[in-house]
Amino acid sequence: MSENHLFSRLTAFAAAHPDKVFATGPETSGQSYGDTVQNALRLAAVLCAAGLTPGDRVAVQVEKSLTALELSLATVAAGGFSLPLNTAYTASELSYFLTDAAPAIVVCDPARAGEITPLAKSAHVFTLDKAAQGTLTAALTDARIAPVARGPDDLAAILYTSGTTGRSKGAMLSHDNLYSNAAALTDHWRFTSDDVLIHALPIFHTHGLFVATNIALVSGATLHFLQNFSPDQIIDALPEATSLMGVPTFYTRLLQDARLTPALCANMRLFVSGSAPMLVDTHTQWQARTGHTILERYGMTETNMNTSNPLEGARRPGTVGLPLPGVELRIMDNAHEVPQGEIGTIEVRGPNVFKGYWQMPEKTAEELRPDGWFITGDLGQIDADGYVSIVGRGKDLIITGGFNVYPKELESLIDEIDGVLESAVIGAPHPDFGEAVVAIVVASDPALTADAVKAVAAEKLAKFKQPKQIVFLPELPRNTMGKVQKKALRDSYATLFSQ
């Protein structure tokens, strides 16, 4: 083994085309691929000088910047693996991650150094702000390192799951997990060096850090790099861009802007959405306003991307498309594959599937079968044409009076009611039924009543599926990536039927 598997593959285009522009945007007038790689190797030298050795962890909780992106490459080049952390995590949450992963190096915002340094214990602490200022960049010299040799199965990153059930789990992703998925998506979505990808996603999450960034690196595309989601900045970027990767919230907010027209999007070839389900209505509105059909795909922390609607062919709203080349997907119930069209737990297998959970062998054994199939915990079904639909999370399944209720079925029905913006269906403890169905509704029409929602459900659904309570909220709680936080809703209404 003489090369660094992931680094060499992600930087192969840069070696051949060092002057090609890697990133444009408010932060840079045009940074080249060659400079990006050299910056990463200089940062890697700083990490090694601070004591990083192959296999060590580098925990990073900083605002988005090109330097933060280069730091991720630097960590791989130095033989370590990165631990990106949500910038919203509190000191209490960080204490768990830093204790569990025991990083050798911690990089944080200067404003939080005082509270984070004691949590880092023996780790070397660097600081870095969104303007690329801090002790990390202050330590830069002209010194560079040669990338440390690492193989396909060596770890490249630990990404912690959101911890909606019990302790957060650190998903261990290898060099080949990340590269194989980036290569598959580059080919499937036909990215080339002619593409300009609007990058407005956070880089502590697989969507922004690995999907968008690694596809650009592999294909030689240019990133239009934004520090956060700004409708104005995206509107400004659209005429010169070819692609946008976002979450449903990006699209719903852009739809509120009168400047969104087919002419504005004339140069675009691809709009991708993921990380959370998109309403069919959003698909329809986007098609009408822009002439483009959004492409939805399905992935998760442990696997990166598993499925995608086709680049050419029918992109079906409400589905996440077909398994990517090289990825196997099946629908299971009690260790048996279910008949086509029936609902069960999604399992996937392929080079994208992670190596297990950090220091949790028992949890790994529960969710990763010996033959490589990963039990995702997502409920889904496959139609006659092979398109996969996500019904919900297994933990979101409601069992009321002994009957199974899949929230997505009721949510889809409620979302079609005039005056409803969106909904979320949960189960709440009930003294008679075990759980009772509760519908949380965000209304666009203040005149909408609970009785009107219940009447539609009564007409369309069996009685056990009908909501026993309707709760109106101004908005649904969401995480940074736009996913509805059903655990927060279940916690809020845990005593609804016992009061």
Protein backbone atom coordinates (compact mmCIF):
# COMPACT_ATOMS: atom_id res chain seq x y z
CA MET A 1 0.00 0.00 0.00
CA SER A 2 1.73 3.16 -1.20
CA GLU A 3 -1.08 5.66 -1.82
CA ASN A 4 -3.80 7.36 0.18
CA HIS A 5 -6.87 5.73 -1.40
CA LEU A 6 -9.46 8.47 -0.90
CA PHE A 7 -7.18 11.50 -1.18
CA SER A 8 -5.55 10.30 -4.39
CA ARG A 9 -8.90 9.66 -6.05
CA LEU A 10 -10.52 12.89 -4.90
CA THR A 11 -7.52 14.87 -6.13
CA ALA A 12 -6.87 13.04 -9.41
CA PHE A 13 -8.64 15.73 -11.45
CA ALA A 14 -6.70 18.45 -9.63
CA ALA A 15 -3.41 16.78 -10.53
CA ALA A 16 -4.34 16.85 -14.21
CA HIS A 17 -6.03 20.27 -14.22
CA PRO A 18 -4.51 22.36 -11.39
CA ASP A 19 -5.66 25.69 -12.85
CA LYS A 20 -9.34 24.75 -13.19
CA VAL A 21 -11.56 26.78 -10.85
CA PHE A 22 -12.73 24.71 -7.88
CA ALA A 23 -14.77 27.34 -6.04
CA THR A 24 -16.36 30.68 -6.72
CA GLY A 25 -18.79 32.76 -4.68
CA PRO A 26 -18.84 35.54 -2.09
CA GLU A 27 -15.86 34.03 -0.25
CA THR A 28 -13.57 33.74 -3.28
CA SER A 29 -13.26 35.14 -6.77
CA GLY A 30 -12.08 31.79 -8.04
CA GLN A 31 -9.92 29.34 -6.14
CA SER A 32 -8.23 26.71 -8.30
CA TYR A 33 -8.12 22.96 -7.81
CA GLY A 34 -4.34 23.12 -7.50
CA ASP A 35 -4.48 25.71 -4.73
CA THR A 36 -7.19 23.74 -2.91
CA VAL A 37 -5.02 20.61 -2.81
CA GLN A 38 -1.89 22.53 -1.77
CA ASN A 39 -3.84 24.30 0.98
CA ALA A 40 -5.04 20.90 2.22
CA LEU A 41 -1.49 19.52 2.29
CA ARG A 42 -0.28 22.58 4.24
CA LEU A 43 -3.12 22.08 6.75
CA ALA A 44 -2.20 18.39 6.94
CA ALA A 45 1.34 19.42 7.91
CA VAL A 46 -0.08 21.51 10.76
CA LEU A 47 -2.14 18.54 11.98
CA CYS A 48 0.87 16.23 11.88
CA ALA A 49 3.03 18.77 13.70
CA ALA A 50 0.38 18.88 16.44
CA GLY A 51 0.74 15.14 16.94
CA LEU A 52 -1.80 13.55 14.55
CA THR A 53 -0.88 9.98 13.63
CA PRO A 54 -2.62 7.59 11.21
CA GLY A 55 -5.97 6.47 12.61
CA ASP A 56 -6.40 9.49 14.91
CA ARG A 57 -9.62 11.47 14.95
CA VAL A 58 -9.97 15.19 14.16
CA ALA A 59 -13.17 16.66 15.64
CA VAL A 60 -14.38 19.79 13.87
CA GLN A 61 -17.12 22.19 14.97
CA VAL A 62 -16.69 25.35 12.92
CA GLU A 63 -18.69 27.61 10.64
CA LYS A 64 -18.71 26.73 6.95
CA SER A 65 -15.76 28.01 4.92
CA LEU A 66 -13.47 26.83 2.14
CA THR A 67 -10.73 26.35 4.75
CA ALA A 68 -13.05 24.05 6.73
CA LEU A 69 -13.60 22.06 3.53
CA GLU A 70 -9.83 21.88 2.98
CA LEU A 71 -9.44 20.71 6.57
CA SER A 72 -11.56 17.66 5.76
CA LEU A 73 -9.23 16.83 2.86
CA ALA A 74 -6.22 17.55 5.06
CA THR A 75 -7.36 15.09 7.69
CA VAL A 76 -7.64 12.33 5.10
CA ALA A 77 -4.27 13.26 3.60
CA ALA A 78 -2.65 13.04 7.05
CA GLY A 79 -4.04 9.55 7.60
CA GLY A 80 -6.60 10.57 10.19
CA PHE A 81 -10.35 10.50 10.02
CA SER A 82 -12.66 13.42 10.50
CA LEU A 83 -15.43 13.88 13.03
CA PRO A 84 -17.63 16.72 11.71
CA LEU A 85 -19.96 18.12 14.35
CA ASN A 86 -23.14 20.16 13.97
CA THR A 87 -22.48 23.80 14.84
CA ALA A 88 -25.67 23.84 16.91
CA TYR A 89 -24.46 21.18 19.37
CA THR A 90 -24.29 22.38 22.96
CA ALA A 91 -21.40 21.82 25.35
CA SER A 92 -23.30 18.92 26.91
CA GLU A 93 -23.71 17.21 23.54
CA LEU A 94 -20.10 17.90 22.58
CA SER A 95 -18.90 16.36 25.83
CA TYR A 96 -20.41 13.02 24.78
CA PHE A 97 -18.92 13.08 21.26
CA LEU A 98 -15.46 14.13 22.41
CA THR A 99 -15.40 11.54 25.18
CA ASP A 100 -16.70 8.77 22.92
CA ALA A 101 -14.44 9.46 19.92
CA ALA A 102 -11.38 10.61 21.93
CA PRO A 103 -10.02 12.83 19.14
CA ALA A 104 -6.35 13.79 19.01
CA ILE A 105 -7.22 17.21 17.63
CA VAL A 106 -10.27 19.46 18.09
CA VAL A 107 -10.95 22.44 15.84
CA CYS A 108 -13.59 24.88 17.07
CA ASP A 109 -14.81 28.44 16.62
CA PRO A 110 -12.70 30.95 18.59
CA ALA A 111 -15.84 32.19 20.31
CA ARG A 112 -16.38 28.75 21.86
CA ALA A 113 -12.80 27.84 22.67
CA GLY A 114 -13.26 28.69 26.34
CA GLU A 115 -16.06 26.15 26.88
CA ILE A 116 -14.80 23.48 24.47
CA THR A 117 -11.13 23.31 25.54
CA PRO A 118 -11.92 21.70 28.93
CA LEU A 119 -14.07 19.10 27.15
CA ALA A 120 -11.24 18.24 24.76
CA LYS A 121 -9.13 16.79 27.59
CA SER A 122 -5.74 15.81 26.16
CA ALA A 123 -6.58 16.76 22.56
CA HIS A 124 -4.78 19.62 20.86
CA VAL A 125 -7.29 22.46 20.32
CA PHE A 126 -7.14 24.74 17.29
CA THR A 127 -9.54 27.55 16.43
CA LEU A 128 -11.00 28.57 13.07
CA ASP A 129 -13.71 31.10 12.27
CA LYS A 130 -15.78 31.54 9.10
CA ALA A 131 -13.28 34.10 7.79
CA ALA A 132 -10.52 31.45 8.06
CA GLN A 133 -8.93 33.20 11.02
CA GLY A 134 -7.72 31.38 14.11
CA THR A 135 -4.84 29.42 15.56
CA LEU A 136 -5.16 26.74 12.85
CA THR A 137 -4.39 29.08 9.96
CA ALA A 138 -1.93 31.06 12.09
CA ALA A 139 0.13 27.86 12.34
CA LEU A 140 0.38 27.45 8.56
CA THR A 141 3.81 27.54 6.95
CA ASP A 142 5.03 26.59 3.49
CA ALA A 143 5.56 23.04 4.78
CA ARG A 144 3.47 20.35 3.11
CA ILE A 145 3.27 16.64 3.69
CA ALA A 146 3.15 13.75 1.26
CA PRO A 147 -0.26 12.05 1.70
CA VAL A 148 -0.04 9.21 4.21
CA ALA A 149 -0.62 5.77 2.73
CA ARG A 150 -4.11 4.45 3.56
CA GLY A 151 -6.11 1.64 1.98
CA PRO A 152 -9.73 1.33 0.81
CA ASP A 153 -10.93 -0.17 4.11
CA ASP A 154 -9.19 2.37 6.35
CA LEU A 155 -11.55 4.79 8.05
CA ALA A 156 -12.02 8.29 6.62
CA ALA A 157 -14.75 9.68 8.87
CA ILE A 158 -17.04 9.11 11.82
CA LEU A 159 -20.45 10.72 11.50
CA TYR A 160 -22.69 10.61 14.53
CA THR A 161 -26.35 9.83 14.03
CA SER A 162 -28.88 12.24 15.45
CA GLY A 163 -29.56 10.09 18.50
CA THR A 164 -33.35 10.06 18.24
CA THR A 165 -33.40 6.75 20.09
CA GLY A 166 -30.87 6.51 22.89
CA ARG A 167 -27.22 7.49 22.59
CA SER A 168 -25.88 8.87 19.31
CA LYS A 169 -23.98 6.27 17.31
CA GLY A 170 -20.77 7.01 15.42
CA ALA A 171 -21.05 5.58 11.90
CA MET A 172 -17.59 4.55 10.67
CA LEU A 173 -17.10 5.34 6.97
CA SER A 174 -14.12 4.02 5.04
CA HIS A 175 -12.15 5.53 2.19
CA ASP A 176 -13.93 3.28 -0.30
CA ASN A 177 -17.37 3.92 1.23
CA LEU A 178 -16.96 7.59 0.37
CA TYR A 179 -15.15 7.30 -2.94
CA SER A 180 -17.33 4.55 -4.44
CA ASN A 181 -20.48 6.53 -3.68
CA ALA A 182 -19.09 9.77 -5.09
CA ALA A 183 -18.02 7.96 -8.27
CA ALA A 184 -21.41 6.26 -8.65
CA LEU A 185 -23.30 9.54 -8.22
CA THR A 186 -20.95 11.42 -10.56
CA ASP A 187 -21.66 8.86 -13.26
CA HIS A 188 -25.40 8.48 -12.50
CA TRP A 189 -26.05 12.24 -12.51
CA ARG A 190 -23.49 12.81 -15.31
CA PHE A 191 -21.44 15.49 -13.63
CA THR A 192 -18.53 16.85 -15.65
CA SER A 193 -16.00 19.66 -15.42
CA ASP A 194 -18.54 21.87 -17.23
CA ASP A 195 -20.89 21.79 -14.23
CA VAL A 196 -21.28 24.63 -11.72
CA LEU A 197 -22.87 23.29 -8.54
CA ILE A 198 -24.50 25.69 -6.08
CA HIS A 199 -23.28 24.54 -2.64
CA ALA A 200 -25.46 26.05 0.11
CA LEU A 201 -25.55 23.01 2.39
CA PRO A 202 -23.75 22.68 5.74
CA ILE A 203 -20.54 20.65 5.72
CA PHE A 204 -21.03 18.76 8.99
CA HIS A 205 -23.48 16.42 7.26
CA THR A 206 -23.04 13.78 4.57
CA HIS A 207 -25.15 15.71 2.02
CA GLY A 208 -22.93 18.79 1.90
CA LEU A 209 -19.60 17.32 2.98
CA PHE A 210 -19.54 14.09 0.99
CA VAL A 211 -22.21 14.15 -1.72
CA ALA A 212 -21.94 17.69 -3.08
CA THR A 213 -18.23 18.25 -2.38
CA ASN A 214 -16.91 14.84 -3.42
CA ILE A 215 -18.93 14.80 -6.66
CA ALA A 216 -17.37 18.14 -7.58
CA LEU A 217 -13.87 16.90 -6.76
CA VAL A 218 -14.29 13.67 -8.74
CA SER A 219 -15.87 15.31 -11.80
CA GLY A 220 -13.89 18.56 -11.82
CA ALA A 221 -17.02 20.66 -11.43
CA THR A 222 -16.91 24.16 -9.95
CA LEU A 223 -18.63 24.85 -6.64
CA HIS A 224 -20.53 28.11 -6.25
CA PHE A 225 -19.77 28.12 -2.55
CA LEU A 226 -22.20 29.82 -0.15
CA GLN A 227 -21.77 29.86 3.62
CA ASN A 228 -25.47 29.19 4.15
CA PHE A 229 -28.81 29.08 2.40
CA SER A 230 -29.73 32.51 1.08
CA PRO A 231 -32.58 32.79 -1.46
CA ASP A 232 -31.10 36.03 -2.79
CA GLN A 233 -27.66 34.49 -3.32
CA ILE A 234 -29.11 31.40 -4.98
CA ILE A 235 -31.33 33.50 -7.26
CA ASP A 236 -28.22 35.49 -8.22
CA ALA A 237 -26.24 32.29 -8.90
CA LEU A 238 -28.84 30.38 -10.94
CA PRO A 239 -28.18 31.98 -14.36
CA GLU A 240 -24.52 30.86 -14.33
CA ALA A 241 -25.00 27.51 -12.54
CA THR A 242 -25.99 24.09 -13.83
CA SER A 243 -27.05 22.29 -10.66
CA LEU A 244 -28.33 22.77 -7.12
CA MET A 245 -28.35 20.27 -4.27
CA GLY A 246 -30.72 21.11 -1.46
CA VAL A 247 -33.28 20.03 1.06
CA PRO A 248 -37.05 20.54 0.58
CA THR A 249 -36.96 23.79 2.57
CA PHE A 250 -34.66 25.31 -0.08
CA TYR A 251 -37.28 24.71 -2.73
CA THR A 252 -40.32 25.79 -0.74
CA ARG A 253 -38.61 29.09 0.12
CA LEU A 254 -37.42 29.70 -3.42
CA LEU A 255 -40.98 29.13 -4.62
CA GLN A 256 -42.00 32.16 -2.56
CA ASP A 257 -39.74 34.38 -4.69
CA ALA A 258 -41.40 36.00 -7.71
CA ARG A 259 -38.03 36.07 -9.53
CA LEU A 260 -38.12 32.26 -9.92
CA THR A 261 -38.98 31.70 -13.60
CA PRO A 262 -38.07 29.32 -16.44
CA ALA A 263 -35.81 32.02 -17.88
CA LEU A 264 -33.87 32.30 -14.61
CA CYS A 265 -33.29 28.52 -14.65
CA ALA A 266 -32.53 28.24 -18.36
CA ASN A 267 -28.88 27.25 -17.78
CA MET A 268 -29.72 24.70 -15.07
CA ARG A 269 -29.77 21.01 -15.85
CA LEU A 270 -30.37 19.42 -12.44
CA PHE A 271 -32.14 20.21 -9.18
CA VAL A 272 -31.56 17.54 -6.50
CA SER A 273 -33.41 17.24 -3.19
CA GLY A 274 -32.78 14.95 -0.26
CA SER A 275 -32.26 14.60 3.51
CA ALA A 276 -36.03 14.85 4.09
CA PRO A 277 -39.17 13.88 2.12
CA MET A 278 -40.55 16.42 -0.33
CA LEU A 279 -44.26 17.10 -0.65
CA VAL A 280 -45.79 16.19 -4.00
CA ASP A 281 -47.22 19.71 -4.14
CA THR A 282 -43.70 21.16 -4.02
CA HIS A 283 -42.74 18.99 -7.00
CA THR A 284 -45.77 20.18 -8.93
CA GLN A 285 -45.23 23.85 -8.14
CA TRP A 286 -41.53 23.67 -9.03
CA GLN A 287 -42.29 22.07 -12.39
CA ALA A 288 -44.89 24.75 -13.15
CA ARG A 289 -42.64 27.65 -12.10
CA THR A 290 -39.31 26.55 -13.60
CA GLY A 291 -39.98 23.86 -16.20
CA HIS A 292 -37.68 21.50 -14.25
CA THR A 293 -38.54 18.31 -12.37
CA ILE A 294 -36.75 17.95 -9.04
CA LEU A 295 -34.75 14.73 -8.64
CA GLU A 296 -35.20 13.09 -5.23
CA ARG A 297 -32.77 10.53 -3.85
CA TYR A 298 -32.45 8.54 -0.62
CA GLY A 299 -29.47 8.16 1.64
CA MET A 300 -28.46 8.12 5.26
CA THR A 301 -25.49 8.68 7.52
CA GLU A 302 -24.47 5.01 7.49
CA THR A 303 -24.62 4.52 3.73
CA ASN A 304 -24.38 7.84 1.90
CA MET A 305 -26.73 7.53 -1.11
CA ASN A 306 -28.70 4.36 -1.82
CA THR A 307 -31.26 5.27 -4.49
CA SER A 308 -32.02 8.01 -6.96
CA ASN A 309 -34.71 8.95 -9.38
CA PRO A 310 -33.32 8.71 -12.91
CA LEU A 311 -31.53 11.55 -14.67
CA GLU A 312 -33.35 10.53 -17.83
CA GLY A 313 -36.75 8.91 -17.46
CA ALA A 314 -39.62 9.36 -15.05
CA ARG A 315 -38.83 11.21 -11.82
CA ARG A 316 -41.78 10.21 -9.70
CA PRO A 317 -42.90 12.55 -6.92
CA GLY A 318 -43.32 10.72 -3.64
CA THR A 319 -40.63 8.18 -4.52
CA VAL A 320 -36.87 8.14 -4.08
CA GLY A 321 -36.27 6.30 -7.33
CA LEU A 322 -34.32 3.13 -7.97
CA PRO A 323 -31.25 1.60 -6.31
CA LEU A 324 -27.99 3.13 -7.53
CA PRO A 325 -25.70 0.92 -9.63
CA GLY A 326 -23.81 -1.41 -7.29
CA VAL A 327 -26.35 -1.00 -4.46
CA GLU A 328 -28.76 -3.80 -3.58
CA LEU A 329 -32.04 -2.99 -1.80
CA ARG A 330 -34.75 -5.25 -0.39
CA ILE A 331 -37.88 -4.90 1.74
CA MET A 332 -37.97 -7.26 4.72
CA ASP A 333 -40.37 -8.34 7.46
CA ASN A 334 -39.28 -10.79 10.17
CA ALA A 335 -36.22 -11.89 8.18
CA HIS A 336 -38.30 -12.60 5.07
CA GLU A 337 -38.51 -10.52 1.91
CA VAL A 338 -42.03 -9.20 1.45
CA PRO A 339 -44.02 -9.43 -1.81
CA GLN A 340 -43.70 -6.54 -4.25
CA GLY A 341 -45.79 -3.56 -3.15
CA GLU A 342 -46.00 -4.50 0.52
CA ILE A 343 -44.48 -2.42 3.33
CA GLY A 344 -41.48 -3.57 5.30
CA THR A 345 -38.06 -2.53 6.56
CA ILE A 346 -35.56 -1.36 3.95
CA GLU A 347 -32.22 -3.16 3.91
CA VAL A 348 -29.29 -2.20 1.67
CA ARG A 349 -25.97 -3.75 0.71
CA GLY A 350 -23.10 -2.38 -1.33
CA PRO A 351 -19.69 -0.67 -1.26
CA ASN A 352 -21.35 2.41 0.24
CA VAL A 353 -22.42 0.64 3.45
CA PHE A 354 -20.45 1.67 6.53
CA LYS A 355 -18.12 -0.50 8.64
CA GLY A 356 -20.16 -0.39 11.84
CA TYR A 357 -20.68 1.86 14.85
CA TRP A 358 -17.69 3.25 16.71
CA GLN A 359 -17.09 1.24 19.91
CA MET A 360 -20.58 -0.30 19.72
CA PRO A 361 -20.10 -3.91 18.55
CA GLU A 362 -23.44 -5.02 19.95
CA LYS A 363 -25.33 -2.25 18.12
CA THR A 364 -23.36 -3.01 14.96
CA ALA A 365 -24.36 -6.67 15.18
CA GLU A 366 -28.02 -5.68 15.58
CA GLU A 367 -28.12 -3.52 12.46
CA LEU A 368 -25.40 -4.85 10.14
CA ARG A 369 -25.90 -8.48 9.11
CA PRO A 370 -22.85 -10.75 8.70
CA ASP A 371 -23.52 -10.97 4.95
CA GLY A 372 -23.31 -7.16 4.57
CA TRP A 373 -26.99 -6.20 4.57
CA PHE A 374 -27.67 -3.08 6.63
CA ILE A 375 -31.04 -2.81 8.39
CA THR A 376 -31.85 0.86 7.81
CA GLY A 377 -34.81 1.17 10.17
CA ASP A 378 -36.73 2.93 7.38
CA LEU A 379 -40.06 1.52 6.27
CA GLY A 380 -40.65 1.37 2.55
CA GLN A 381 -42.17 -0.38 -0.42
CA ILE A 382 -41.19 -1.05 -4.02
CA ASP A 383 -43.66 -0.63 -6.88
CA ALA A 384 -43.98 -2.76 -10.00
CA ASP A 385 -41.40 -0.62 -11.82
CA GLY A 386 -38.84 -0.86 -9.04
CA TYR A 387 -39.31 2.63 -7.62
CA VAL A 388 -38.78 2.84 -3.87
CA SER A 389 -41.08 4.87 -1.60
CA ILE A 390 -40.25 5.71 2.01
CA VAL A 391 -43.22 5.22 4.32
CA GLY A 392 -41.49 6.36 7.51
CA ARG A 393 -39.05 5.28 10.18
CA GLY A 394 -39.66 2.01 11.97
CA LYS A 395 -39.65 3.87 15.26
CA ASP A 396 -42.40 6.14 13.88
CA LEU A 397 -44.74 3.21 13.29
CA ILE A 398 -47.87 3.58 15.42
CA ILE A 399 -49.45 0.48 16.96
CA THR A 400 -52.94 1.36 18.15
CA GLY A 401 -55.23 -1.30 19.53
CA GLY A 402 -52.97 -3.94 17.99
CA PHE A 403 -53.17 -2.43 14.49
CA ASN A 404 -50.24 -0.92 12.58
CA VAL A 405 -50.61 2.64 11.32
CA TYR A 406 -48.03 4.03 8.90
CA PRO A 407 -47.88 7.82 9.42
CA LYS A 408 -47.09 8.58 5.78
CA GLU A 409 -50.48 7.32 4.60
CA LEU A 410 -52.37 9.76 6.82
CA GLU A 411 -49.89 12.58 6.23
CA SER A 412 -50.32 12.27 2.47
CA LEU A 413 -54.08 12.44 2.86
CA ILE A 414 -54.02 15.46 5.18
CA ASP A 415 -51.49 17.31 3.02
CA GLU A 416 -53.97 17.23 0.12
CA ILE A 417 -56.68 19.04 2.11
CA ASP A 418 -57.26 22.63 1.01
CA GLY A 419 -55.85 24.95 3.66
CA VAL A 420 -53.13 22.52 4.84
CA LEU A 421 -49.49 23.47 4.32
CA GLU A 422 -48.03 20.28 5.79
CA SER A 423 -48.56 17.72 8.53
CA ALA A 424 -46.83 15.20 10.77
CA VAL A 425 -48.52 12.16 12.29
CA ILE A 426 -47.29 10.64 15.55
CA GLY A 427 -48.41 8.14 18.15
CA ALA A 428 -49.07 9.30 21.71
CA PRO A 429 -49.51 7.02 24.74
CA HIS A 430 -53.16 6.12 25.31
CA PRO A 431 -54.65 4.29 28.31
CA ASP A 432 -56.93 2.07 26.19
CA PHE A 433 -55.25 1.69 22.82
CA GLY A 434 -51.59 1.71 23.84
CA GLU A 435 -50.99 4.47 21.34
CA ALA A 436 -53.40 6.87 19.68
CA VAL A 437 -52.97 8.61 16.35
CA VAL A 438 -52.29 12.35 16.61
CA ALA A 439 -52.06 14.63 13.57
CA ILE A 440 -49.99 17.81 13.86
CA VAL A 441 -51.16 20.23 11.17
CA VAL A 442 -49.65 23.45 9.83
CA ALA A 443 -52.50 25.33 8.20
CA SER A 444 -52.24 27.91 5.43
CA ASP A 445 -55.92 28.79 6.00
CA PRO A 446 -56.67 30.00 9.55
CA ALA A 447 -60.31 28.97 9.07
CA LEU A 448 -59.40 25.28 8.79
CA THR A 449 -60.86 23.26 11.68
CA ALA A 450 -59.98 19.98 13.34
CA ASP A 451 -63.43 18.65 12.42
CA ALA A 452 -62.74 19.32 8.74
CA VAL A 453 -59.51 17.32 8.89
CA LYS A 454 -61.18 14.49 10.79
CA ALA A 455 -64.03 14.39 8.24
CA VAL A 456 -61.62 13.77 5.37
CA ALA A 457 -59.84 11.02 7.32
CA ALA A 458 -63.18 9.41 8.24
CA GLU A 459 -64.17 9.29 4.59
CA LYS A 460 -60.93 7.76 3.33
CA LEU A 461 -59.47 5.61 6.11
CA ALA A 462 -60.36 2.75 8.44
CA LYS A 463 -61.35 3.97 11.87
CA PHE A 464 -58.17 2.74 13.58
CA LYS A 465 -56.07 4.92 11.23
CA GLN A 466 -58.04 8.08 11.92
CA PRO A 467 -56.53 10.73 14.23
CA LYS A 468 -58.00 10.93 17.70
CA GLN A 469 -56.60 14.42 18.10
CA ILE A 470 -55.69 17.22 15.71
CA VAL A 471 -53.12 19.76 16.91
CA PHE A 472 -52.47 22.97 14.98
CA LEU A 473 -48.96 24.47 15.08
CA PRO A 474 -47.48 27.46 13.23
CA GLU A 475 -44.63 25.25 12.01
CA LEU A 476 -43.16 21.78 12.48
CA PRO A 477 -39.90 21.36 14.43
CA ARG A 478 -37.04 20.54 12.07
CA ASN A 479 -33.33 19.85 12.33
CA THR A 480 -30.65 21.64 10.32
CA MET A 481 -31.20 19.43 7.29
CA GLY A 482 -34.95 20.04 7.25
CA LYS A 483 -36.09 16.72 8.71
CA VAL A 484 -39.21 16.91 10.86
CA GLN A 485 -38.27 16.04 14.44
CA LYS A 486 -40.97 13.55 15.36
CA LYS A 487 -39.26 12.64 18.60
CA ALA A 488 -39.66 16.26 19.74
CA LEU A 489 -43.35 16.09 18.83
CA ARG A 490 -43.81 12.78 20.66
CA ASP A 491 -42.14 14.27 23.73
CA SER A 492 -44.35 17.36 23.57
CA TYR A 493 -47.59 15.38 23.40
CA ALA A 494 -46.64 12.37 25.54
CA THR A 495 -49.30 13.26 28.13
CA LEU A 496 -52.01 14.36 25.69
CA PHE A 497 -54.36 11.52 26.61
CA SER A 498 -53.48 11.27 30.28
CA GLN A 499 -54.29 14.84 31.26
